[in-house]
Amino acid sequence: MASFPRPRLAVFGAGFLGRWVAEEARRGGWEILPVVRTEASADALRPEYPAVRATDAVEGGFWLNRAPECEAAVWLIAPSRERSEEEFERVHRQGAVRAACWVKKRRIPFVYISSTSVYAEELGGWVDEDSPLATDPRTTAMVQAEQACLDARGTVLRCAGLYGGGRVVAAGGGGPERWLNLVHGQDAARAVGIALRNPGRVFNVCEDEPRRRGQSGGSWAESGRRTRRNKRVSNARLRALGWVPGATLPDKDLPSA
C-alpha cells in the first residue's frame, strides 16, 4: 500500500497555547513544524518535535528564505503586556502581517490568534465579532494583523484569557468589579482546527459565560499599565460550527471562583 506524507502545520510561537495546538494537530495527523524565538525553547520541544526551529520569525529576512515549507500555518507569537509598545507593535504590524503575506502567495490555510481585548465595550455589555473595536495602539496593531490575515483568506481567532495545564486564575483579584472572559487552552486549540476549515472569518473563542472579577467599589492603581475594559464576549458564531467549550475536557483545570 502506498504511503502518503502527512500534511505539515507551521506553528509560529509554540508557547503556552502553541503547545496545545501542536498536540491537537499531531493527534489529527499533522506533522508539526514549531518556530520559536530561543534555543532554550527549541531544546524543550525537540524531543517531541524534532523539526523545531529557533529563529526570529518577525524580521523580514526569515520570510524571504528561511520559512518552513508547510500546508497550513498558525501565528501565535504575542509578547506579554510587560513588553514595550514598540515590541508589541513589531510582532503584530510586522511579523504577523509578513506571515499573512507569505501564506497569501502560497494559498494555504492560515490562522491568526488575536484577543478579545480588541473590543471597545467598557460597561459590561455583551459583544460579538461585529461589535465596535477600541482604538488604542495595541488594539490597532492587532486589528491591522487581523485584516492582513483576512486579506490572505485566513481566519482570525479572538481568544479570551487562557488557563489550564497548571495555569489557574487566582480568586478575587484587584480593581473594580468586572467581567472576566476565559477559555481553556485545549478548547482554544480545538478552535484552531475549526478555523483552518473556515477561511475568511473572525471568531471569538471563550467560555459560554464570563466570571465576575474584582471588588465592589474597587479601582485601578494610577500606576496601572493599561486601561482595562469590561465586557461579556459571545461565542455563538463558533458554537454554531460545533465547537463546545469543555466538551472533551472532563478533567480540565478549573479556575478559581
Protein backbone atom coordinates (compact mmCIF):
# COMPACT_ATOMS: atom_id res chain seq x y z
CA MET A 1 0.00 0.00 0.00
CA ALA A 2 1.33 3.43 -0.92
CA SER A 3 2.11 5.77 1.98
CA PHE A 4 1.47 9.48 1.77
CA PRO A 5 3.34 12.17 3.68
CA ARG A 6 1.47 13.84 6.49
CA PRO A 7 0.42 17.48 5.94
CA ARG A 8 2.72 19.93 7.68
CA LEU A 9 1.50 22.64 10.08
CA ALA A 10 3.86 25.50 10.91
CA VAL A 11 3.23 26.75 14.45
CA PHE A 12 4.79 30.20 14.88
CA GLY A 13 5.11 30.67 18.62
CA ALA A 14 4.90 27.27 20.34
CA GLY A 15 4.44 28.63 23.85
CA PHE A 16 1.50 28.05 26.20
CA LEU A 17 -1.25 27.90 23.56
CA GLY A 18 1.11 26.83 20.79
CA ARG A 19 1.85 23.57 22.58
CA TRP A 20 -1.83 22.79 22.93
CA VAL A 21 -2.27 23.49 19.21
CA ALA A 22 0.68 21.27 18.32
CA GLU A 23 -0.64 18.39 20.44
CA GLU A 24 -4.16 18.62 19.00
CA ALA A 25 -2.88 18.87 15.43
CA ARG A 26 -0.48 15.96 15.84
CA ARG A 27 -3.34 13.79 17.09
CA GLY A 28 -5.21 14.84 13.97
CA GLY A 29 -2.45 13.53 11.68
CA TRP A 30 -0.38 16.67 11.07
CA GLU A 31 3.39 16.88 11.09
CA ILE A 32 4.27 19.82 13.35
CA LEU A 33 6.91 22.42 12.45
CA PRO A 34 7.29 24.69 15.52
CA VAL A 35 9.09 28.02 15.19
CA VAL A 36 10.23 29.63 18.45
CA ARG A 37 12.46 32.53 19.42
CA THR A 38 15.12 30.96 21.63
CA GLU A 39 17.31 27.88 21.62
CA ALA A 40 16.12 27.10 25.14
CA SER A 41 12.52 26.88 23.91
CA ALA A 42 13.62 24.78 20.95
CA ASP A 43 15.55 22.38 23.20
CA ALA A 44 12.44 21.86 25.34
CA LEU A 45 10.35 20.99 22.27
CA ARG A 46 12.87 18.96 20.27
CA PRO A 47 12.22 15.56 21.91
CA GLU A 48 8.61 15.68 20.70
CA TYR A 49 9.04 17.90 17.65
CA PRO A 50 12.46 17.31 16.03
CA ALA A 51 11.74 19.83 13.25
CA VAL A 52 11.56 22.78 15.69
CA ARG A 53 13.49 25.92 14.71
CA ALA A 54 14.81 28.74 16.89
CA THR A 55 14.76 31.99 14.93
CA ASP A 56 13.21 35.45 14.73
CA ALA A 57 10.07 34.96 12.63
CA VAL A 58 9.23 38.66 12.88
CA GLU A 59 12.08 40.06 10.79
CA GLY A 60 11.71 40.22 7.02
CA GLY A 61 14.67 38.01 6.07
CA PHE A 62 13.03 34.99 7.64
CA TRP A 63 10.13 35.14 5.18
CA LEU A 64 12.44 35.53 2.19
CA ASN A 65 14.43 32.32 2.58
CA ARG A 66 14.00 30.59 5.96
CA ALA A 67 10.28 30.00 6.43
CA PRO A 68 9.35 26.28 6.57
CA GLU A 69 7.50 24.64 3.72
CA CYS A 70 4.06 23.70 5.00
CA GLU A 71 0.44 23.11 4.06
CA ALA A 72 -1.02 25.39 6.78
CA ALA A 73 0.21 27.86 9.40
CA VAL A 74 -0.84 29.34 12.75
CA TRP A 75 0.53 32.61 14.15
CA LEU A 76 0.65 32.61 17.97
CA ILE A 77 3.59 34.92 18.64
CA ALA A 78 2.41 37.59 21.05
CA PRO A 79 4.60 39.49 23.52
CA SER A 80 3.37 39.85 27.08
CA ARG A 81 1.78 43.02 28.37
CA GLU A 82 5.07 43.78 30.12
CA ARG A 83 6.87 44.22 26.79
CA SER A 84 7.26 47.67 25.28
CA GLU A 85 4.77 49.20 22.86
CA GLU A 86 7.43 49.02 20.16
CA GLU A 87 7.95 45.29 20.61
CA PHE A 88 4.20 44.61 20.72
CA GLU A 89 3.61 46.53 17.50
CA ARG A 90 6.64 44.93 15.83
CA VAL A 91 5.26 41.44 16.44
CA HIS A 92 1.80 42.25 15.07
CA ARG A 93 2.32 45.00 12.47
CA GLN A 94 5.44 43.41 11.02
CA GLY A 95 5.65 39.74 11.96
CA ALA A 96 2.00 38.72 11.67
CA VAL A 97 1.48 40.86 8.58
CA ARG A 98 4.54 39.34 6.89
CA ALA A 99 3.26 35.87 7.76
CA ALA A 100 -0.10 36.70 6.19
CA CYS A 101 1.54 37.96 3.00
CA TRP A 102 3.65 34.80 2.85
CA VAL A 103 0.68 32.41 3.15
CA LYS A 104 -1.33 34.50 0.69
CA LYS A 105 1.27 33.85 -2.02
CA ARG A 106 1.16 30.14 -1.27
CA ARG A 107 -2.63 29.98 -0.91
CA ILE A 108 -2.54 27.86 2.22
CA PRO A 109 -4.82 28.00 5.30
CA PHE A 110 -3.71 30.45 7.97
CA VAL A 111 -4.94 31.24 11.48
CA TYR A 112 -4.00 34.41 13.34
CA ILE A 113 -4.52 34.35 17.10
CA SER A 114 -5.85 37.71 18.23
CA SER A 115 -7.51 38.71 21.51
CA THR A 116 -10.93 39.61 22.87
CA SER A 117 -9.22 42.69 24.31
CA VAL A 118 -9.80 44.44 20.96
CA TYR A 119 -13.41 45.33 21.81
CA ALA A 120 -14.25 48.85 22.93
CA GLU A 121 -17.07 47.92 25.34
CA GLU A 122 -16.42 49.28 28.85
CA LEU A 123 -19.75 48.96 30.70
CA GLY A 124 -20.10 45.19 30.91
CA GLY A 125 -22.32 44.67 27.87
CA TRP A 126 -22.23 41.71 25.50
CA VAL A 127 -20.02 41.88 22.40
CA ASP A 128 -19.80 39.73 19.28
CA GLU A 129 -17.44 39.70 16.31
CA ASP A 130 -19.17 42.73 14.75
CA SER A 131 -19.04 44.95 17.84
CA PRO A 132 -17.05 48.21 17.83
CA LEU A 133 -13.31 47.92 18.37
CA ALA A 134 -11.05 50.05 20.53
CA THR A 135 -8.57 52.49 19.06
CA ASP A 136 -5.58 52.28 21.41
CA PRO A 137 -2.18 51.49 19.81
CA ARG A 138 -2.09 47.81 20.82
CA THR A 139 -5.59 47.17 19.53
CA THR A 140 -4.91 48.89 16.21
CA ALA A 141 -1.75 46.79 15.79
CA MET A 142 -3.74 43.57 16.28
CA VAL A 143 -6.55 44.79 14.02
CA GLN A 144 -4.04 45.54 11.25
CA ALA A 145 -2.73 41.98 11.56
CA GLU A 146 -6.29 40.65 11.56
CA GLN A 147 -7.04 42.47 8.32
CA ALA A 148 -3.87 41.13 6.69
CA CYS A 149 -4.94 37.64 7.73
CA LEU A 150 -8.42 38.09 6.26
CA ASP A 151 -6.94 39.52 3.05
CA ALA A 152 -4.99 36.26 2.78
CA ARG A 153 -8.22 34.24 3.22
CA GLY A 154 -7.04 33.31 6.68
CA THR A 155 -9.09 33.03 9.86
CA VAL A 156 -8.93 35.23 12.95
CA LEU A 157 -9.47 33.77 16.43
CA ARG A 158 -10.02 36.33 19.17
CA CYS A 159 -9.12 34.38 22.30
CA ALA A 160 -10.18 35.22 25.83
CA GLY A 161 -7.87 34.77 28.82
CA LEU A 162 -6.18 31.36 28.69
CA TYR A 163 -5.89 28.89 31.53
CA GLY A 164 -5.21 25.16 32.05
CA GLY A 165 -2.12 22.98 32.20
CA GLY A 166 -1.21 24.33 35.61
CA ARG A 167 -2.19 27.92 34.83
CA VAL A 168 -5.13 28.91 37.04
CA VAL A 169 -6.99 32.12 37.70
CA ALA A 170 -6.49 33.50 41.18
CA ALA A 171 -9.57 34.14 43.28
CA GLY A 172 -10.77 37.69 43.85
CA GLY A 173 -8.35 39.91 42.01
CA GLY A 174 -7.78 43.62 42.38
CA GLY A 175 -9.51 46.50 40.68
CA PRO A 176 -13.21 47.24 40.23
CA GLU A 177 -15.85 44.56 39.87
CA ARG A 178 -15.98 43.45 36.25
CA TRP A 179 -16.45 40.53 33.86
CA LEU A 180 -13.60 38.12 33.13
CA ASN A 181 -13.76 36.11 29.88
CA LEU A 182 -11.80 32.84 29.85
CA VAL A 183 -11.05 29.78 27.72
CA HIS A 184 -9.12 26.61 28.45
CA GLY A 185 -6.01 26.12 26.31
CA GLN A 186 -7.20 22.82 24.88
CA ASP A 187 -10.56 24.32 23.95
CA ALA A 188 -8.75 27.15 22.15
CA ALA A 189 -6.56 24.61 20.34
CA ARG A 190 -9.63 22.74 19.13
CA ALA A 191 -10.94 26.03 17.78
CA VAL A 192 -7.83 26.30 15.60
CA GLY A 193 -8.83 23.08 13.84
CA ILE A 194 -12.24 24.56 13.05
CA ALA A 195 -10.66 27.83 11.93
CA LEU A 196 -8.42 26.07 9.40
CA ARG A 197 -11.57 24.73 7.73
CA ASN A 198 -13.43 28.07 7.73
CA PRO A 199 -11.34 30.68 5.91
CA GLY A 200 -12.02 34.39 5.78
CA ARG A 201 -13.90 34.64 9.08
CA VAL A 202 -13.49 36.02 12.61
CA PHE A 203 -14.43 34.00 15.70
CA ASN A 204 -14.49 34.72 19.43
CA VAL A 205 -13.04 31.88 21.49
CA CYS A 206 -14.33 31.91 25.06
CA GLU A 207 -16.48 30.02 27.51
CA ASP A 208 -20.25 30.40 27.43
CA GLU A 209 -20.41 32.68 30.47
CA PRO A 210 -17.80 35.08 31.84
CA ARG A 211 -16.91 35.14 35.54
CA ARG A 212 -17.06 38.00 37.99
CA ARG A 213 -13.75 39.52 38.99
CA GLY A 214 -12.52 42.38 41.18
CA GLN A 215 -14.11 44.14 44.14
CA SER A 216 -17.23 46.23 44.53
CA GLY A 217 -16.14 49.86 44.73
CA GLY A 218 -12.58 48.94 43.76
CA SER A 219 -10.41 50.99 41.41
CA TRP A 220 -7.25 50.63 39.36
CA ALA A 221 -3.99 51.99 40.70
CA GLU A 222 -2.87 55.19 38.99
CA SER A 223 0.36 53.42 38.07
CA GLY A 224 -1.54 50.71 36.17
CA ARG A 225 -0.03 49.62 32.85
CA ARG A 226 -3.13 49.95 30.68
CA THR A 227 -6.80 50.77 30.52
CA ARG A 228 -8.87 47.68 31.32
CA ARG A 229 -12.22 47.38 29.59
CA ASN A 230 -15.27 45.50 30.84
CA LYS A 231 -17.34 43.27 28.57
CA ARG A 232 -19.04 39.91 28.13
CA VAL A 233 -17.96 38.07 24.99
CA SER A 234 -20.30 35.88 22.92
CA ASN A 235 -19.02 32.63 21.39
CA ALA A 236 -22.24 31.96 19.41
CA ARG A 237 -20.59 32.14 15.98
CA LEU A 238 -18.02 29.48 16.82
CA ARG A 239 -20.55 27.33 18.67
CA ALA A 240 -22.70 27.29 15.52
CA LEU A 241 -19.91 25.27 13.85
CA GLY A 242 -19.99 22.59 16.55
CA TRP A 243 -17.35 23.91 18.93
CA VAL A 244 -18.33 23.37 22.56
CA PRO A 245 -16.04 24.58 25.37
CA GLY A 246 -15.11 21.79 27.74
CA ALA A 247 -16.73 19.06 25.65
CA THR A 248 -13.61 16.85 25.67
CA LEU A 249 -12.09 18.02 28.94
CA PRO A 250 -13.64 16.11 31.86
CA ASP A 251 -10.53 16.72 34.00
CA LYS A 252 -9.61 20.22 32.85
CA ASP A 253 -8.12 22.71 35.29
CA LEU A 254 -10.89 24.87 36.67
CA PRO A 255 -10.04 28.47 37.50
CA SER A 256 -10.75 29.70 40.98
CA ALA A 257 -14.07 31.42 41.50
